[in-house]
Amino acid sequence: MKFLLKKCPRCGRYTLREACPVCKINTKVAHPPRFSPQDKYVKYRIILRELSTNIKDID
């Protein structure tokens, strides 16, 4: 199933386009990933998310 709704990471607008009509930057999928209790890679995704938020805080 392909998700059509996308969200601009800069301005937070929702759209169906690949690029935001206001900011002209690439949009991201607005839906969260599926959850599975047997997910063996959740630890690595949490570490990646923490590292990426720390890098954004520095800039």
N, C-alpha and C. Protein backbone atom coordinates (compact mmCIF):
# COMPACT_ATOMS: atom_id res chain seq x y z
N MET A 1 0.84 -1.17 0.00
CA MET A 1 0.00 0.00 0.00
C MET A 1 0.89 1.24 0.00
N LYS A 2 0.64 2.13 -0.89
CA LYS A 2 1.42 3.36 -0.98
C LYS A 2 0.64 4.49 -0.31
N PHE A 3 1.31 5.17 0.61
CA PHE A 3 0.68 6.28 1.29
C PHE A 3 0.79 7.53 0.44
N LEU A 4 -0.30 8.24 0.28
CA LEU A 4 -0.31 9.42 -0.57
C LEU A 4 -0.09 10.71 0.21
N LEU A 5 -0.54 10.75 1.45
CA LEU A 5 -0.45 11.97 2.23
C LEU A 5 1.00 12.20 2.66
N LYS A 6 1.50 13.39 2.41
CA LYS A 6 2.87 13.74 2.76
C LYS A 6 2.87 15.02 3.58
N LYS A 7 3.95 15.23 4.33
CA LYS A 7 4.05 16.40 5.20
C LYS A 7 5.40 17.07 4.99
N CYS A 8 5.37 18.39 4.94
CA CYS A 8 6.59 19.17 4.79
C CYS A 8 7.30 19.23 6.13
N PRO A 9 8.58 18.85 6.19
CA PRO A 9 9.29 18.90 7.48
C PRO A 9 9.60 20.33 7.94
N ARG A 10 9.62 21.29 7.02
CA ARG A 10 9.95 22.66 7.39
C ARG A 10 8.73 23.43 7.90
N CYS A 11 7.67 23.49 7.09
CA CYS A 11 6.52 24.32 7.47
C CYS A 11 5.38 23.51 8.08
N GLY A 12 5.39 22.18 7.95
CA GLY A 12 4.37 21.34 8.57
C GLY A 12 3.08 21.22 7.78
N ARG A 13 3.05 21.69 6.54
CA ARG A 13 1.85 21.57 5.71
C ARG A 13 1.72 20.17 5.15
N TYR A 14 0.48 19.73 5.01
CA TYR A 14 0.19 18.44 4.41
C TYR A 14 -0.13 18.64 2.93
N THR A 15 0.34 17.69 2.10
CA THR A 15 0.11 17.78 0.66
C THR A 15 0.16 16.39 0.06
N LEU A 16 -0.21 16.30 -1.20
CA LEU A 16 -0.10 15.04 -1.93
C LEU A 16 1.10 15.04 -2.87
N ARG A 17 1.81 16.14 -2.92
CA ARG A 17 2.93 16.30 -3.85
C ARG A 17 4.24 15.83 -3.23
N GLU A 18 5.23 15.59 -4.10
CA GLU A 18 6.55 15.17 -3.65
C GLU A 18 7.33 16.34 -3.06
N ALA A 19 7.03 17.56 -3.49
CA ALA A 19 7.69 18.76 -2.97
C ALA A 19 6.63 19.69 -2.41
N CYS A 20 6.97 20.40 -1.34
CA CYS A 20 6.04 21.34 -0.71
C CYS A 20 5.75 22.49 -1.66
N PRO A 21 4.48 22.84 -1.86
CA PRO A 21 4.17 23.94 -2.78
C PRO A 21 4.61 25.31 -2.25
N VAL A 22 4.85 25.43 -0.95
CA VAL A 22 5.26 26.71 -0.36
C VAL A 22 6.78 26.79 -0.22
N CYS A 23 7.39 25.77 0.40
CA CYS A 23 8.83 25.79 0.68
C CYS A 23 9.68 25.26 -0.47
N LYS A 24 9.09 24.46 -1.33
CA LYS A 24 9.80 23.83 -2.46
C LYS A 24 10.86 22.82 -2.02
N ILE A 25 10.70 22.22 -0.83
CA ILE A 25 11.61 21.16 -0.40
C ILE A 25 10.85 19.84 -0.42
N ASN A 26 11.58 18.73 -0.40
CA ASN A 26 10.97 17.41 -0.47
C ASN A 26 10.14 17.12 0.77
N THR A 27 8.97 16.50 0.55
CA THR A 27 8.10 16.14 1.65
C THR A 27 8.40 14.73 2.12
N LYS A 28 7.88 14.37 3.30
CA LYS A 28 8.07 13.04 3.86
C LYS A 28 6.70 12.42 4.10
N VAL A 29 6.66 11.10 4.20
CA VAL A 29 5.42 10.39 4.45
C VAL A 29 4.89 10.79 5.82
N ALA A 30 3.60 11.10 5.91
CA ALA A 30 3.01 11.58 7.16
C ALA A 30 2.62 10.46 8.11
N HIS A 31 2.63 9.22 7.65
CA HIS A 31 2.19 8.09 8.47
C HIS A 31 3.37 7.47 9.22
N PRO A 32 3.18 7.04 10.46
CA PRO A 32 4.27 6.39 11.19
C PRO A 32 4.49 4.98 10.65
N PRO A 33 5.68 4.42 10.86
CA PRO A 33 5.92 3.04 10.42
C PRO A 33 5.07 2.06 11.23
N ARG A 34 4.85 0.90 10.68
CA ARG A 34 4.07 -0.12 11.39
C ARG A 34 4.83 -0.62 12.60
N PHE A 35 4.08 -0.99 13.64
CA PHE A 35 4.69 -1.48 14.87
C PHE A 35 4.56 -2.99 14.96
N SER A 36 5.63 -3.62 15.39
CA SER A 36 5.61 -5.05 15.62
C SER A 36 6.32 -5.34 16.94
N PRO A 37 5.70 -6.12 17.84
CA PRO A 37 6.36 -6.43 19.11
C PRO A 37 7.62 -7.30 18.92
N GLN A 38 7.73 -7.99 17.79
CA GLN A 38 8.89 -8.83 17.53
C GLN A 38 9.96 -8.11 16.71
N ASP A 39 9.91 -6.80 16.66
CA ASP A 39 10.85 -6.03 15.87
C ASP A 39 12.24 -6.12 16.51
N LYS A 40 13.18 -6.69 15.79
CA LYS A 40 14.51 -6.86 16.35
C LYS A 40 15.45 -5.70 16.06
N TYR A 41 14.99 -4.69 15.29
CA TYR A 41 15.83 -3.55 14.95
C TYR A 41 15.39 -2.26 15.63
N VAL A 42 14.45 -2.32 16.54
CA VAL A 42 13.94 -1.13 17.20
C VAL A 42 15.04 -0.40 17.97
N LYS A 43 15.94 -1.14 18.56
CA LYS A 43 17.03 -0.54 19.33
C LYS A 43 17.88 0.37 18.44
N TYR A 44 18.16 -0.08 17.23
CA TYR A 44 19.00 0.69 16.32
C TYR A 44 18.27 1.94 15.79
N ARG A 45 16.97 1.82 15.55
CA ARG A 45 16.21 2.99 15.09
C ARG A 45 16.12 4.06 16.16
N ILE A 46 15.99 3.65 17.42
CA ILE A 46 15.95 4.61 18.52
C ILE A 46 17.29 5.34 18.62
N ILE A 47 18.38 4.62 18.50
CA ILE A 47 19.70 5.24 18.55
C ILE A 47 19.87 6.22 17.40
N LEU A 48 19.46 5.83 16.19
CA LEU A 48 19.55 6.72 15.03
C LEU A 48 18.72 7.97 15.23
N ARG A 49 17.52 7.83 15.75
CA ARG A 49 16.65 8.98 15.97
C ARG A 49 17.28 9.94 16.99
N GLU A 50 17.85 9.40 18.05
CA GLU A 50 18.49 10.24 19.07
C GLU A 50 19.69 10.97 18.48
N LEU A 51 20.48 10.28 17.67
CA LEU A 51 21.64 10.92 17.06
C LEU A 51 21.22 12.03 16.08
N SER A 52 20.17 11.77 15.32
CA SER A 52 19.75 12.78 14.35
C SER A 52 19.14 14.00 15.03
N THR A 53 18.44 13.84 16.15
CA THR A 53 17.90 15.01 16.85
C THR A 53 19.01 15.79 17.53
N ASN A 54 20.06 15.10 18.00
CA ASN A 54 21.19 15.81 18.60
C ASN A 54 21.95 16.63 17.56
N ILE A 55 22.06 16.12 16.36
CA ILE A 55 22.74 16.86 15.28
C ILE A 55 21.92 18.08 14.90
N LYS A 56 20.60 17.95 14.85
CA LYS A 56 19.74 19.10 14.50
C LYS A 56 19.82 20.17 15.58
N ASP A 57 19.97 19.77 16.84
CA ASP A 57 20.06 20.74 17.93
C ASP A 57 21.35 21.55 17.85
N ILE A 58 22.41 20.94 17.34
CA ILE A 58 23.70 21.62 17.24
C ILE A 58 23.66 22.71 16.16
N ASP A 59 22.97 22.43 15.05
CA ASP A 59 22.92 23.40 13.93
C ASP A 59 22.13 24.57 14.28
